[in-house]
Amino acid sequence: MADQSRPVTGYPAYSGAGHQPNGYPNTATATAYPYVAPPPPPPQNQGIIIFIMWLVLRPQIPQFRVETLTLSNFNISTNSLISGNWDARFTARNPNSKITLYYNQIEAAIFYKSDSISETTVPPFVQGTKNETTLRATFASLTAYLDDRDSINGERNRGAVNFNLRMMTRVRFQAGSWWARRRILRVYCPNLSVGVSANSSSGSLVGGSKQCSVGL
C-alpha cells in the first residue's frame, strides 16, 4: 500500500485523442460511451477466449462524483504563494453487475486552473458489483506558487473560488476466473466552486455534488 503521507509527483504524459495534454479526459471532446474499449483479438486461442469474455461481460468504466469539498486556513500571500487545507469526499460507483474492480496506486491532485496546489494518495480498495464506495482525499499547501494571483483574488472578492480535482489510478476488472489487464483510469472533476470570501479563510462546495469525467 502506498504511503499516504508522501506527496505524489507528476503524472505520465498521454497524448491520445479525446484527452487534454495532461492526460485527463477532455470534457469538450470526450464521448459519452460508457464501456471499456474492446481489446484487439490476437490470433492465439487464449486471446480469442479473452475477447469473447469481453463481448459477454461488456465491462463499463466506473463513475465518480465529488460529494463535498471543504477549505480551511486559506490564504494568498503578496508574493503569490497559496496556502490552505482541502478535504474532498468522493463517491465511486461500479455500474457492472458481474465485474469486481480492483484499484491501486491512486494519486490525487488539486489545481487552480492549471497550477498544481497539492498532491496526495488515496488507499487502494476493492469494489464489488453494483457497489458505491466513499473515498476521501486531503490536501495541504504552504508554499504553492500561483501564476495568476489577480484572477484568484478576483474570484474570492466575488465570493467563490473554482478548483479542479484530478485522480489517476490503476484499475483491474475481474469476473470469476477472468481477469482483464490493468488499465490506467483518469478522473477529472473541474469547476468545483468553493464559497470563500476575501474576509474568510474557510468555505465549502457550492451547489451540491458534482459529477466527474472518467476515461481510460
N, C-alpha and C. Protein backbone atom coordinates (compact mmCIF):
# COMPACT_ATOMS: atom_id res chain seq x y z
N MET A 1 0.85 -1.21 0.00
CA MET A 1 0.00 0.00 0.00
C MET A 1 0.87 1.24 0.00
N ALA A 2 0.50 2.24 -0.79
CA ALA A 2 1.31 3.44 -0.89
C ALA A 2 1.28 4.22 0.40
N ASP A 3 2.36 4.92 0.71
CA ASP A 3 2.43 5.79 1.87
C ASP A 3 1.59 7.02 1.63
N GLN A 4 0.51 7.15 2.43
CA GLN A 4 -0.43 8.24 2.18
C GLN A 4 0.14 9.59 2.56
N SER A 5 1.17 9.65 3.42
CA SER A 5 1.72 10.91 3.84
C SER A 5 2.74 11.46 2.87
N ARG A 6 3.18 10.64 1.91
CA ARG A 6 4.22 11.07 0.98
C ARG A 6 3.58 11.72 -0.23
N PRO A 7 3.95 12.98 -0.55
CA PRO A 7 3.37 13.62 -1.75
C PRO A 7 3.69 12.83 -3.00
N VAL A 8 2.76 12.89 -3.95
CA VAL A 8 2.94 12.20 -5.23
C VAL A 8 3.46 13.22 -6.22
N THR A 9 4.35 12.83 -7.06
CA THR A 9 4.88 13.76 -8.05
C THR A 9 4.54 13.30 -9.44
N GLY A 10 3.96 14.23 -10.20
CA GLY A 10 3.81 14.05 -11.64
C GLY A 10 2.90 12.94 -12.09
N TYR A 11 2.42 13.03 -13.31
CA TYR A 11 1.65 12.01 -13.96
C TYR A 11 2.33 11.66 -15.27
N PRO A 12 2.18 10.44 -15.74
CA PRO A 12 2.76 10.10 -17.04
C PRO A 12 2.05 10.83 -18.16
N ALA A 13 2.85 11.30 -19.10
CA ALA A 13 2.27 12.06 -20.22
C ALA A 13 1.44 11.16 -21.09
N TYR A 14 0.36 11.71 -21.63
CA TYR A 14 -0.50 10.95 -22.53
C TYR A 14 -1.04 11.92 -23.56
N SER A 15 -1.03 11.54 -24.79
CA SER A 15 -1.47 12.47 -25.84
C SER A 15 -2.51 11.85 -26.74
N GLY A 16 -3.31 10.89 -26.24
CA GLY A 16 -4.33 10.25 -27.06
C GLY A 16 -5.46 11.20 -27.39
N ALA A 17 -6.20 10.85 -28.44
CA ALA A 17 -7.33 11.69 -28.85
C ALA A 17 -8.37 11.70 -27.76
N GLY A 18 -9.03 12.86 -27.58
CA GLY A 18 -10.09 12.98 -26.59
C GLY A 18 -9.56 13.26 -25.20
N HIS A 19 -8.24 13.53 -25.06
CA HIS A 19 -7.66 13.84 -23.77
C HIS A 19 -6.95 15.18 -23.85
N GLN A 20 -6.82 15.81 -22.68
CA GLN A 20 -6.05 17.02 -22.58
C GLN A 20 -4.57 16.65 -22.59
N PRO A 21 -3.67 17.62 -22.80
CA PRO A 21 -2.24 17.31 -22.78
C PRO A 21 -1.77 16.70 -21.49
N ASN A 22 -2.48 16.99 -20.35
CA ASN A 22 -2.05 16.39 -19.09
C ASN A 22 -2.56 14.96 -18.92
N GLY A 23 -3.29 14.44 -19.90
CA GLY A 23 -3.69 13.04 -19.84
C GLY A 23 -5.08 12.79 -19.34
N TYR A 24 -5.78 13.81 -18.88
CA TYR A 24 -7.13 13.63 -18.36
C TYR A 24 -8.16 13.82 -19.46
N PRO A 25 -9.37 13.24 -19.28
CA PRO A 25 -10.37 13.34 -20.34
C PRO A 25 -10.72 14.78 -20.66
N ASN A 26 -10.82 15.10 -21.92
CA ASN A 26 -11.23 16.42 -22.37
C ASN A 26 -12.76 16.47 -22.37
N THR A 27 -13.34 17.26 -21.45
CA THR A 27 -14.80 17.27 -21.32
C THR A 27 -15.48 17.86 -22.54
N ALA A 28 -14.74 18.58 -23.37
CA ALA A 28 -15.35 19.17 -24.56
C ALA A 28 -15.43 18.19 -25.71
N THR A 29 -14.51 17.20 -25.74
CA THR A 29 -14.45 16.31 -26.90
C THR A 29 -14.66 14.85 -26.56
N ALA A 30 -14.58 14.48 -25.26
CA ALA A 30 -14.71 13.07 -24.90
C ALA A 30 -16.11 12.57 -25.20
N THR A 31 -16.23 11.34 -25.69
CA THR A 31 -17.54 10.76 -25.97
C THR A 31 -18.17 10.27 -24.69
N ALA A 32 -19.48 10.04 -24.74
CA ALA A 32 -20.22 9.58 -23.57
C ALA A 32 -20.34 8.07 -23.54
N TYR A 33 -19.64 7.36 -24.44
CA TYR A 33 -19.75 5.90 -24.49
C TYR A 33 -19.19 5.31 -23.21
N PRO A 34 -20.01 4.55 -22.43
CA PRO A 34 -19.61 4.17 -21.07
C PRO A 34 -18.82 2.89 -20.97
N TYR A 35 -18.54 2.21 -22.07
CA TYR A 35 -17.91 0.91 -21.99
C TYR A 35 -16.41 0.99 -22.22
N VAL A 36 -15.73 0.04 -21.65
CA VAL A 36 -14.30 -0.09 -21.88
C VAL A 36 -14.08 -0.57 -23.30
N ALA A 37 -13.13 0.03 -24.01
CA ALA A 37 -12.87 -0.36 -25.39
C ALA A 37 -12.41 -1.81 -25.45
N PRO A 38 -12.89 -2.58 -26.43
CA PRO A 38 -12.52 -4.00 -26.50
C PRO A 38 -11.07 -4.17 -26.90
N PRO A 39 -10.39 -5.17 -26.35
CA PRO A 39 -9.02 -5.44 -26.78
C PRO A 39 -9.04 -6.06 -28.17
N PRO A 40 -8.03 -5.78 -29.00
CA PRO A 40 -7.98 -6.41 -30.32
C PRO A 40 -7.78 -7.91 -30.18
N PRO A 41 -8.56 -8.74 -30.87
CA PRO A 41 -8.44 -10.18 -30.69
C PRO A 41 -7.19 -10.74 -31.36
N PRO A 42 -6.18 -11.18 -30.58
CA PRO A 42 -5.00 -11.78 -31.18
C PRO A 42 -5.32 -13.15 -31.74
N PRO A 43 -4.45 -13.70 -32.59
CA PRO A 43 -4.75 -14.98 -33.22
C PRO A 43 -4.68 -16.16 -32.28
N GLN A 44 -4.00 -16.03 -31.16
CA GLN A 44 -3.89 -17.16 -30.24
C GLN A 44 -5.26 -17.51 -29.65
N ASN A 45 -5.43 -18.79 -29.34
CA ASN A 45 -6.71 -19.25 -28.77
C ASN A 45 -7.04 -18.53 -27.48
N GLN A 46 -6.02 -18.34 -26.65
CA GLN A 46 -6.27 -17.69 -25.37
C GLN A 46 -6.78 -16.26 -25.59
N GLY A 47 -6.17 -15.55 -26.55
CA GLY A 47 -6.62 -14.20 -26.84
C GLY A 47 -8.04 -14.17 -27.35
N ILE A 48 -8.43 -15.16 -28.15
CA ILE A 48 -9.80 -15.24 -28.66
C ILE A 48 -10.78 -15.45 -27.51
N ILE A 49 -10.40 -16.29 -26.57
CA ILE A 49 -11.27 -16.54 -25.41
C ILE A 49 -11.46 -15.25 -24.61
N ILE A 50 -10.36 -14.51 -24.40
CA ILE A 50 -10.45 -13.25 -23.66
C ILE A 50 -11.37 -12.27 -24.37
N PHE A 51 -11.25 -12.22 -25.69
CA PHE A 51 -12.09 -11.30 -26.46
C PHE A 51 -13.57 -11.70 -26.36
N ILE A 52 -13.85 -12.99 -26.40
CA ILE A 52 -15.24 -13.47 -26.26
C ILE A 52 -15.78 -13.12 -24.88
N MET A 53 -14.93 -13.27 -23.85
CA MET A 53 -15.35 -12.91 -22.49
C MET A 53 -15.70 -11.43 -22.41
N TRP A 54 -14.90 -10.61 -23.07
CA TRP A 54 -15.20 -9.18 -23.08
C TRP A 54 -16.56 -8.92 -23.72
N LEU A 55 -16.85 -9.60 -24.83
CA LEU A 55 -18.13 -9.41 -25.50
C LEU A 55 -19.29 -9.83 -24.62
N VAL A 56 -19.10 -10.89 -23.85
CA VAL A 56 -20.16 -11.39 -22.97
C VAL A 56 -20.37 -10.46 -21.78
N LEU A 57 -19.28 -10.01 -21.16
CA LEU A 57 -19.38 -9.24 -19.92
C LEU A 57 -19.66 -7.75 -20.17
N ARG A 58 -19.19 -7.22 -21.30
CA ARG A 58 -19.36 -5.81 -21.63
C ARG A 58 -19.00 -4.91 -20.43
N PRO A 59 -17.75 -4.91 -20.00
CA PRO A 59 -17.37 -4.11 -18.83
C PRO A 59 -17.57 -2.62 -19.06
N GLN A 60 -18.10 -1.95 -18.04
CA GLN A 60 -18.30 -0.49 -18.07
C GLN A 60 -17.31 0.18 -17.13
N ILE A 61 -16.88 1.38 -17.50
CA ILE A 61 -15.96 2.09 -16.63
C ILE A 61 -16.72 2.63 -15.42
N PRO A 62 -16.04 2.78 -14.27
CA PRO A 62 -16.71 3.28 -13.06
C PRO A 62 -17.06 4.75 -13.18
N GLN A 63 -17.90 5.18 -12.26
CA GLN A 63 -18.36 6.57 -12.24
C GLN A 63 -17.90 7.22 -10.93
N PHE A 64 -17.53 8.49 -11.01
CA PHE A 64 -17.06 9.23 -9.83
C PHE A 64 -17.80 10.56 -9.73
N ARG A 65 -18.06 10.97 -8.51
CA ARG A 65 -18.59 12.32 -8.28
C ARG A 65 -18.01 12.85 -6.95
N VAL A 66 -17.88 14.17 -6.89
CA VAL A 66 -17.43 14.84 -5.67
C VAL A 66 -18.66 15.17 -4.84
N GLU A 67 -18.70 14.66 -3.64
CA GLU A 67 -19.85 14.91 -2.75
C GLU A 67 -19.65 16.21 -1.97
N THR A 68 -18.46 16.39 -1.40
CA THR A 68 -18.18 17.60 -0.62
C THR A 68 -16.73 18.01 -0.86
N LEU A 69 -16.48 19.29 -0.72
CA LEU A 69 -15.13 19.83 -0.74
C LEU A 69 -15.09 21.00 0.22
N THR A 70 -14.30 20.89 1.27
CA THR A 70 -14.19 21.96 2.25
C THR A 70 -12.78 22.53 2.24
N LEU A 71 -12.69 23.79 2.55
CA LEU A 71 -11.43 24.53 2.54
C LEU A 71 -11.27 25.23 3.88
N SER A 72 -10.05 25.18 4.43
CA SER A 72 -9.76 25.87 5.68
C SER A 72 -8.35 26.45 5.63
N ASN A 73 -8.09 27.42 6.50
CA ASN A 73 -6.77 28.07 6.61
C ASN A 73 -6.30 28.62 5.26
N PHE A 74 -7.23 29.14 4.49
CA PHE A 74 -6.93 29.60 3.13
C PHE A 74 -6.31 30.99 3.15
N ASN A 75 -5.22 31.14 2.40
CA ASN A 75 -4.56 32.45 2.32
C ASN A 75 -3.75 32.53 1.04
N ILE A 76 -3.66 33.74 0.48
CA ILE A 76 -2.82 34.01 -0.67
C ILE A 76 -1.92 35.18 -0.30
N SER A 77 -0.62 34.96 -0.33
CA SER A 77 0.32 36.00 0.08
C SER A 77 0.56 37.00 -1.05
N THR A 78 1.22 38.10 -0.70
CA THR A 78 1.50 39.14 -1.69
C THR A 78 2.50 38.67 -2.75
N ASN A 79 3.26 37.62 -2.46
CA ASN A 79 4.20 37.09 -3.45
C ASN A 79 3.65 35.84 -4.15
N SER A 80 2.30 35.74 -4.19
CA SER A 80 1.58 34.72 -4.99
C SER A 80 1.75 33.29 -4.47
N LEU A 81 1.95 33.14 -3.19
CA LEU A 81 2.00 31.80 -2.59
C LEU A 81 0.65 31.50 -1.96
N ILE A 82 0.11 30.31 -2.26
CA ILE A 82 -1.20 29.91 -1.75
C ILE A 82 -1.01 28.86 -0.65
N SER A 83 -1.77 29.01 0.42
CA SER A 83 -1.74 28.03 1.50
C SER A 83 -3.18 27.68 1.88
N GLY A 84 -3.34 26.50 2.44
CA GLY A 84 -4.67 26.07 2.86
C GLY A 84 -4.75 24.57 3.01
N ASN A 85 -5.91 24.11 3.47
CA ASN A 85 -6.20 22.68 3.63
C ASN A 85 -7.52 22.38 2.93
N TRP A 86 -7.50 21.37 2.05
CA TRP A 86 -8.68 20.94 1.30
C TRP A 86 -9.04 19.52 1.70
N ASP A 87 -10.33 19.28 1.92
CA ASP A 87 -10.82 17.96 2.30
C ASP A 87 -11.92 17.58 1.32
N ALA A 88 -11.65 16.59 0.47
CA ALA A 88 -12.60 16.18 -0.57
C ALA A 88 -13.17 14.81 -0.26
N ARG A 89 -14.47 14.65 -0.45
CA ARG A 89 -15.14 13.36 -0.30
C ARG A 89 -15.74 12.98 -1.65
N PHE A 90 -15.40 11.78 -2.13
CA PHE A 90 -15.86 11.28 -3.41
C PHE A 90 -16.77 10.08 -3.22
N THR A 91 -17.59 9.81 -4.22
CA THR A 91 -18.28 8.53 -4.34
C THR A 91 -17.86 7.88 -5.64
N ALA A 92 -17.37 6.65 -5.55
CA ALA A 92 -17.03 5.86 -6.73
C ALA A 92 -18.09 4.78 -6.89
N ARG A 93 -18.63 4.62 -8.09
CA ARG A 93 -19.69 3.64 -8.34
C ARG A 93 -19.24 2.65 -9.39
N ASN A 94 -19.41 1.37 -9.07
CA ASN A 94 -19.17 0.30 -10.05
C ASN A 94 -20.51 -0.06 -10.69
N PRO A 95 -20.72 0.28 -11.97
CA PRO A 95 -22.01 0.02 -12.60
C PRO A 95 -22.17 -1.41 -13.10
N ASN A 96 -21.13 -2.22 -12.98
CA ASN A 96 -21.16 -3.58 -13.53
C ASN A 96 -21.85 -4.56 -12.59
N SER A 97 -22.64 -5.45 -13.16
CA SER A 97 -23.37 -6.44 -12.37
C SER A 97 -22.61 -7.76 -12.23
N LYS A 98 -21.53 -7.94 -13.01
CA LYS A 98 -20.79 -9.20 -12.96
C LYS A 98 -19.29 -9.01 -12.74
N ILE A 99 -18.84 -7.77 -12.61
CA ILE A 99 -17.41 -7.49 -12.59
C ILE A 99 -17.04 -6.76 -11.30
N THR A 100 -15.98 -7.24 -10.66
CA THR A 100 -15.39 -6.59 -9.50
C THR A 100 -14.21 -5.74 -9.96
N LEU A 101 -14.04 -4.57 -9.32
CA LEU A 101 -12.98 -3.65 -9.70
C LEU A 101 -11.93 -3.59 -8.59
N TYR A 102 -10.67 -3.63 -9.00
CA TYR A 102 -9.53 -3.54 -8.07
C TYR A 102 -8.75 -2.28 -8.39
N TYR A 103 -8.70 -1.34 -7.41
CA TYR A 103 -8.00 -0.08 -7.60
C TYR A 103 -6.71 -0.08 -6.78
N ASN A 104 -5.62 0.37 -7.39
CA ASN A 104 -4.41 0.59 -6.61
C ASN A 104 -3.63 1.75 -7.20
N GLN A 105 -2.61 2.20 -6.47
CA GLN A 105 -1.79 3.35 -6.86
C GLN A 105 -2.66 4.55 -7.22
N ILE A 106 -3.50 4.94 -6.28
CA ILE A 106 -4.43 6.04 -6.52
C ILE A 106 -3.76 7.36 -6.15
N GLU A 107 -3.58 8.23 -7.12
CA GLU A 107 -2.95 9.52 -6.92
C GLU A 107 -3.98 10.62 -7.18
N ALA A 108 -3.96 11.65 -6.36
CA ALA A 108 -4.93 12.74 -6.49
C ALA A 108 -4.21 14.08 -6.39
N ALA A 109 -4.76 15.09 -7.04
CA ALA A 109 -4.17 16.43 -7.03
C ALA A 109 -5.27 17.47 -7.11
N ILE A 110 -5.01 18.62 -6.50
CA ILE A 110 -5.93 19.75 -6.59
C ILE A 110 -5.21 20.89 -7.29
N PHE A 111 -5.97 21.57 -8.18
CA PHE A 111 -5.41 22.62 -9.01
C PHE A 111 -6.26 23.89 -8.91
N TYR A 112 -5.61 25.03 -9.14
CA TYR A 112 -6.33 26.24 -9.52
C TYR A 112 -5.98 26.50 -10.97
N LYS A 113 -6.97 26.44 -11.86
CA LYS A 113 -6.73 26.44 -13.30
C LYS A 113 -5.72 25.35 -13.61
N SER A 114 -4.56 25.70 -14.18
CA SER A 114 -3.56 24.67 -14.49
C SER A 114 -2.44 24.63 -13.47
N ASP A 115 -2.53 25.44 -12.41
CA ASP A 115 -1.49 25.47 -11.38
C ASP A 115 -1.75 24.39 -10.33
N SER A 116 -0.81 23.48 -10.17
CA SER A 116 -0.93 22.44 -9.15
C SER A 116 -0.70 23.04 -7.77
N ILE A 117 -1.63 22.77 -6.86
CA ILE A 117 -1.53 23.28 -5.50
C ILE A 117 -0.99 22.23 -4.54
N SER A 118 -1.54 21.02 -4.62
CA SER A 118 -1.12 19.97 -3.69
C SER A 118 -1.47 18.60 -4.27
N GLU A 119 -0.71 17.58 -3.88
CA GLU A 119 -0.92 16.22 -4.34
C GLU A 119 -0.93 15.27 -3.14
N THR A 120 -1.63 14.15 -3.29
CA THR A 120 -1.72 13.17 -2.21
C THR A 120 -2.01 11.80 -2.80
N THR A 121 -2.14 10.80 -1.93
CA THR A 121 -2.54 9.46 -2.37
C THR A 121 -3.78 9.02 -1.60
N VAL A 122 -4.50 8.08 -2.18
CA VAL A 122 -5.71 7.50 -1.59
C VAL A 122 -5.46 6.00 -1.44
N PRO A 123 -5.88 5.39 -0.33
CA PRO A 123 -5.63 3.95 -0.14
C PRO A 123 -6.29 3.10 -1.23
N PRO A 124 -5.63 2.02 -1.65
CA PRO A 124 -6.24 1.12 -2.63
C PRO A 124 -7.49 0.45 -2.04
N PHE A 125 -8.40 -0.01 -2.93
CA PHE A 125 -9.60 -0.67 -2.44
C PHE A 125 -10.15 -1.58 -3.53
N VAL A 126 -11.03 -2.49 -3.09
CA VAL A 126 -11.72 -3.41 -3.99
C VAL A 126 -13.20 -3.04 -3.98
N GLN A 127 -13.81 -3.03 -5.17
CA GLN A 127 -15.20 -2.60 -5.28
C GLN A 127 -16.03 -3.71 -5.92
N GLY A 128 -16.99 -4.21 -5.16
CA GLY A 128 -17.87 -5.27 -5.64
C GLY A 128 -18.85 -4.77 -6.68
N THR A 129 -19.63 -5.71 -7.22
CA THR A 129 -20.59 -5.39 -8.27
C THR A 129 -21.68 -4.45 -7.75
N LYS A 130 -22.05 -3.50 -8.60
CA LYS A 130 -23.11 -2.53 -8.29
C LYS A 130 -22.88 -1.85 -6.93
N ASN A 131 -21.64 -1.58 -6.61
CA ASN A 131 -21.28 -1.04 -5.31
C ASN A 131 -20.93 0.43 -5.41
N GLU A 132 -21.24 1.20 -4.36
CA GLU A 132 -20.78 2.58 -4.23
C GLU A 132 -19.84 2.67 -3.04
N THR A 133 -18.68 3.27 -3.26
CA THR A 133 -17.65 3.37 -2.24
C THR A 133 -17.32 4.84 -2.00
N THR A 134 -17.23 5.22 -0.72
CA THR A 134 -16.89 6.59 -0.36
C THR A 134 -15.38 6.70 -0.17
N LEU A 135 -14.79 7.70 -0.82
CA LEU A 135 -13.36 7.95 -0.74
C LEU A 135 -13.11 9.34 -0.16
N ARG A 136 -11.94 9.49 0.45
CA ARG A 136 -11.56 10.79 1.00
C ARG A 136 -10.14 11.12 0.56
N ALA A 137 -9.94 12.36 0.15
CA ALA A 137 -8.61 12.84 -0.19
C ALA A 137 -8.40 14.18 0.50
N THR A 138 -7.30 14.31 1.23
CA THR A 138 -6.99 15.57 1.92
C THR A 138 -5.71 16.15 1.33
N PHE A 139 -5.71 17.46 1.19
CA PHE A 139 -4.59 18.17 0.58
C PHE A 139 -4.16 19.31 1.50
N ALA A 140 -2.87 19.60 1.51
CA ALA A 140 -2.34 20.72 2.30
C ALA A 140 -1.27 21.43 1.50
N SER A 141 -1.26 22.75 1.60
CA SER A 141 -0.26 23.55 0.90
C SER A 141 0.19 24.70 1.79
N LEU A 142 1.49 24.96 1.73
CA LEU A 142 2.05 26.11 2.43
C LEU A 142 2.70 27.09 1.48
N THR A 143 3.29 26.59 0.39
CA THR A 143 4.11 27.45 -0.47
C THR A 143 3.87 27.19 -1.96
N ALA A 144 2.68 26.75 -2.35
CA ALA A 144 2.42 26.56 -3.78
C ALA A 144 2.34 27.93 -4.47
N TYR A 145 2.98 28.01 -5.64
CA TYR A 145 3.03 29.29 -6.35
C TYR A 145 1.92 29.35 -7.41
N LEU A 146 1.26 30.49 -7.49
CA LEU A 146 0.21 30.71 -8.49
C LEU A 146 0.70 31.70 -9.54
N ASP A 147 0.45 31.37 -10.80
CA ASP A 147 0.82 32.29 -11.88
C ASP A 147 -0.12 33.49 -11.96
N ASP A 148 -1.38 33.29 -11.55
CA ASP A 148 -2.39 34.34 -11.73
C ASP A 148 -3.04 34.68 -10.39
N ARG A 149 -2.30 35.39 -9.58
CA ARG A 149 -2.81 35.79 -8.26
C ARG A 149 -4.01 36.72 -8.39
N ASP A 150 -3.99 37.61 -9.37
CA ASP A 150 -5.10 38.56 -9.52
C ASP A 150 -6.41 37.85 -9.85
N SER A 151 -6.31 36.76 -10.63
CA SER A 151 -7.52 36.02 -11.01
C SER A 151 -8.18 35.36 -9.81
N ILE A 152 -7.39 34.69 -8.98
CA ILE A 152 -7.98 34.00 -7.83
C ILE A 152 -8.48 35.01 -6.80
N ASN A 153 -7.80 36.14 -6.66
CA ASN A 153 -8.29 37.17 -5.75
C ASN A 153 -9.59 37.78 -6.27
N GLY A 154 -9.70 37.90 -7.59
CA GLY A 154 -10.94 38.40 -8.17
C GLY A 154 -12.11 37.48 -7.89
N GLU A 155 -11.89 36.15 -8.04
CA GLU A 155 -12.94 35.19 -7.72
C GLU A 155 -13.30 35.26 -6.24
N ARG A 156 -12.27 35.38 -5.42
CA ARG A 156 -12.52 35.45 -3.97
C ARG A 156 -13.35 36.68 -3.60
N ASN A 157 -13.07 37.80 -4.24
CA ASN A 157 -13.85 39.01 -3.98
C ASN A 157 -15.31 38.85 -4.39
N ARG A 158 -15.56 37.94 -5.37
CA ARG A 158 -16.93 37.67 -5.80
C ARG A 158 -17.60 36.58 -4.94
N GLY A 159 -16.86 36.01 -4.00
CA GLY A 159 -17.47 35.11 -3.03
C GLY A 159 -17.24 33.63 -3.23
N ALA A 160 -16.52 33.22 -4.31
CA ALA A 160 -16.29 31.79 -4.53
C ALA A 160 -15.07 31.62 -5.43
N VAL A 161 -14.32 30.54 -5.19
CA VAL A 161 -13.14 30.23 -5.98
C VAL A 161 -13.32 28.84 -6.59
N ASN A 162 -13.02 28.71 -7.88
CA ASN A 162 -13.14 27.43 -8.58
C ASN A 162 -11.82 26.65 -8.52
N PHE A 163 -11.91 25.39 -8.10
CA PHE A 163 -10.76 24.50 -8.09
C PHE A 163 -11.05 23.29 -8.98
N ASN A 164 -10.00 22.61 -9.40
CA ASN A 164 -10.12 21.38 -10.18
C ASN A 164 -9.46 20.24 -9.41
N LEU A 165 -10.13 19.09 -9.40
CA LEU A 165 -9.56 17.88 -8.78
C LEU A 165 -9.30 16.84 -9.86
N ARG A 166 -8.17 16.16 -9.75
CA ARG A 166 -7.82 15.11 -10.71
C ARG A 166 -7.29 13.91 -9.95
N MET A 167 -7.67 12.73 -10.43
CA MET A 167 -7.17 11.49 -9.87
C MET A 167 -6.70 10.58 -10.98
N MET A 168 -5.74 9.76 -10.67
CA MET A 168 -5.28 8.74 -11.59
C MET A 168 -5.03 7.47 -10.79
N THR A 169 -5.51 6.33 -11.30
CA THR A 169 -5.35 5.07 -10.60
C THR A 169 -5.21 3.93 -11.59
N ARG A 170 -4.62 2.85 -11.15
CA ARG A 170 -4.61 1.62 -11.94
C ARG A 170 -5.78 0.77 -11.48
N VAL A 171 -6.58 0.31 -12.45
CA VAL A 171 -7.77 -0.47 -12.13
C VAL A 171 -7.75 -1.77 -12.93
N ARG A 172 -8.23 -2.83 -12.29
CA ARG A 172 -8.30 -4.12 -12.97
C ARG A 172 -9.71 -4.68 -12.84
N PHE A 173 -10.24 -5.24 -13.93
CA PHE A 173 -11.59 -5.79 -13.98
C PHE A 173 -11.50 -7.30 -13.79
N GLN A 174 -12.38 -7.86 -12.93
CA GLN A 174 -12.34 -9.30 -12.65
C GLN A 174 -13.76 -9.85 -12.54
N ALA A 175 -13.99 -10.97 -13.24
CA ALA A 175 -15.27 -11.68 -13.16
C ALA A 175 -14.97 -13.17 -13.10
N GLY A 176 -15.19 -13.77 -11.93
CA GLY A 176 -14.86 -15.18 -11.77
C GLY A 176 -13.37 -15.42 -11.97
N SER A 177 -13.03 -16.30 -12.90
CA SER A 177 -11.62 -16.59 -13.19
C SER A 177 -11.06 -15.68 -14.28
N TRP A 178 -11.89 -14.79 -14.82
CA TRP A 178 -11.44 -13.89 -15.89
C TRP A 178 -10.89 -12.61 -15.29
N TRP A 179 -9.68 -12.25 -15.71
CA TRP A 179 -9.05 -11.00 -15.29
C TRP A 179 -8.64 -10.21 -16.52
N ALA A 180 -9.01 -8.95 -16.58
CA ALA A 180 -8.51 -8.07 -17.62
C ALA A 180 -7.18 -7.48 -17.16
N ARG A 181 -6.38 -7.05 -18.12
CA ARG A 181 -5.11 -6.43 -17.74
C ARG A 181 -5.38 -5.10 -17.04
N ARG A 182 -4.43 -4.64 -16.24
CA ARG A 182 -4.59 -3.37 -15.54
C ARG A 182 -4.65 -2.21 -16.54
N ARG A 183 -5.54 -1.29 -16.25
CA ARG A 183 -5.70 -0.10 -17.09
C ARG A 183 -5.51 1.14 -16.23
N ILE A 184 -5.03 2.22 -16.83
CA ILE A 184 -4.91 3.49 -16.12
C ILE A 184 -6.21 4.25 -16.28
N LEU A 185 -6.83 4.57 -15.14
CA LEU A 185 -8.10 5.29 -15.11
C LEU A 185 -7.83 6.73 -14.69
N ARG A 186 -8.35 7.68 -15.46
CA ARG A 186 -8.17 9.10 -15.16
C ARG A 186 -9.52 9.73 -14.83
N VAL A 187 -9.55 10.46 -13.73
CA VAL A 187 -10.78 11.10 -13.25
C VAL A 187 -10.53 12.61 -13.18
N TYR A 188 -11.42 13.38 -13.77
CA TYR A 188 -11.26 14.84 -13.81
C TYR A 188 -12.55 15.48 -13.30
N CYS A 189 -12.42 16.30 -12.26
CA CYS A 189 -13.57 16.96 -11.63
C CYS A 189 -13.32 18.48 -11.68
N PRO A 190 -13.79 19.14 -12.73
CA PRO A 190 -13.49 20.57 -12.92
C PRO A 190 -14.52 21.48 -12.27
N ASN A 191 -14.12 22.75 -12.14
CA ASN A 191 -15.03 23.83 -11.74
C ASN A 191 -15.77 23.53 -10.45
N LEU A 192 -15.01 23.14 -9.43
CA LEU A 192 -15.59 22.92 -8.11
C LEU A 192 -15.57 24.25 -7.37
N SER A 193 -16.71 24.87 -7.28
CA SER A 193 -16.82 26.22 -6.72
C SER A 193 -16.92 26.15 -5.20
N VAL A 194 -15.94 26.73 -4.53
CA VAL A 194 -15.90 26.75 -3.06
C VAL A 194 -16.22 28.17 -2.60
N GLY A 195 -17.25 28.30 -1.79
CA GLY A 195 -17.65 29.61 -1.30
C GLY A 195 -16.68 30.11 -0.24
N VAL A 196 -15.88 31.09 -0.60
CA VAL A 196 -14.93 31.69 0.35
C VAL A 196 -14.73 33.15 -0.05
N SER A 197 -14.96 34.05 0.87
CA SER A 197 -14.86 35.47 0.57
C SER A 197 -13.48 36.00 0.90
N ALA A 198 -13.26 37.27 0.54
CA ALA A 198 -11.96 37.89 0.81
C ALA A 198 -11.70 38.03 2.31
N ASN A 199 -12.76 38.06 3.10
CA ASN A 199 -12.61 38.23 4.54
C ASN A 199 -12.68 36.91 5.30
N SER A 200 -12.68 35.79 4.57
CA SER A 200 -12.81 34.48 5.22
C SER A 200 -11.66 33.58 4.79
N SER A 201 -11.32 32.63 5.65
CA SER A 201 -10.26 31.67 5.33
C SER A 201 -10.81 30.25 5.19
N SER A 202 -12.13 30.10 5.17
CA SER A 202 -12.72 28.77 5.05
C SER A 202 -13.97 28.83 4.18
N GLY A 203 -14.35 27.67 3.66
CA GLY A 203 -15.54 27.60 2.82
C GLY A 203 -15.83 26.17 2.44
N SER A 204 -16.91 25.97 1.68
CA SER A 204 -17.31 24.62 1.27
C SER A 204 -17.91 24.66 -0.13
N LEU A 205 -18.10 23.47 -0.70
CA LEU A 205 -18.57 23.33 -2.07
C LEU A 205 -19.96 23.94 -2.23
N VAL A 206 -20.11 24.72 -3.31
CA VAL A 206 -21.37 25.39 -3.60
C VAL A 206 -22.13 24.59 -4.64
N GLY A 207 -23.43 24.42 -4.42
CA GLY A 207 -24.29 23.82 -5.45
C GLY A 207 -24.41 22.31 -5.40
N GLY A 208 -23.99 21.67 -4.33
CA GLY A 208 -24.17 20.23 -4.20
C GLY A 208 -23.10 19.43 -4.92
N SER A 209 -23.31 18.11 -5.00
CA SER A 209 -22.32 17.20 -5.56
C SER A 209 -22.10 17.46 -7.04
N LYS A 210 -20.90 17.12 -7.54
CA LYS A 210 -20.53 17.35 -8.92
C LYS A 210 -20.03 16.06 -9.55
N GLN A 211 -20.56 15.75 -10.74
CA GLN A 211 -20.13 14.56 -11.46
C GLN A 211 -18.77 14.81 -12.12
N CYS A 212 -17.95 13.77 -12.16
CA CYS A 212 -16.62 13.87 -12.76
C CYS A 212 -16.58 13.16 -14.12
N SER A 213 -15.63 13.55 -14.94
CA SER A 213 -15.39 12.85 -16.20
C SER A 213 -14.39 11.74 -15.94
N VAL A 214 -14.63 10.56 -16.54
CA VAL A 214 -13.78 9.40 -16.32
C VAL A 214 -13.37 8.83 -17.67
N GLY A 215 -12.10 8.50 -17.80
CA GLY A 215 -11.62 7.94 -19.06
C GLY A 215 -10.48 6.97 -18.83
N LEU A 216 -10.30 6.05 -19.77
CA LEU A 216 -9.20 5.09 -19.74
C LEU A 216 -8.14 5.48 -20.76
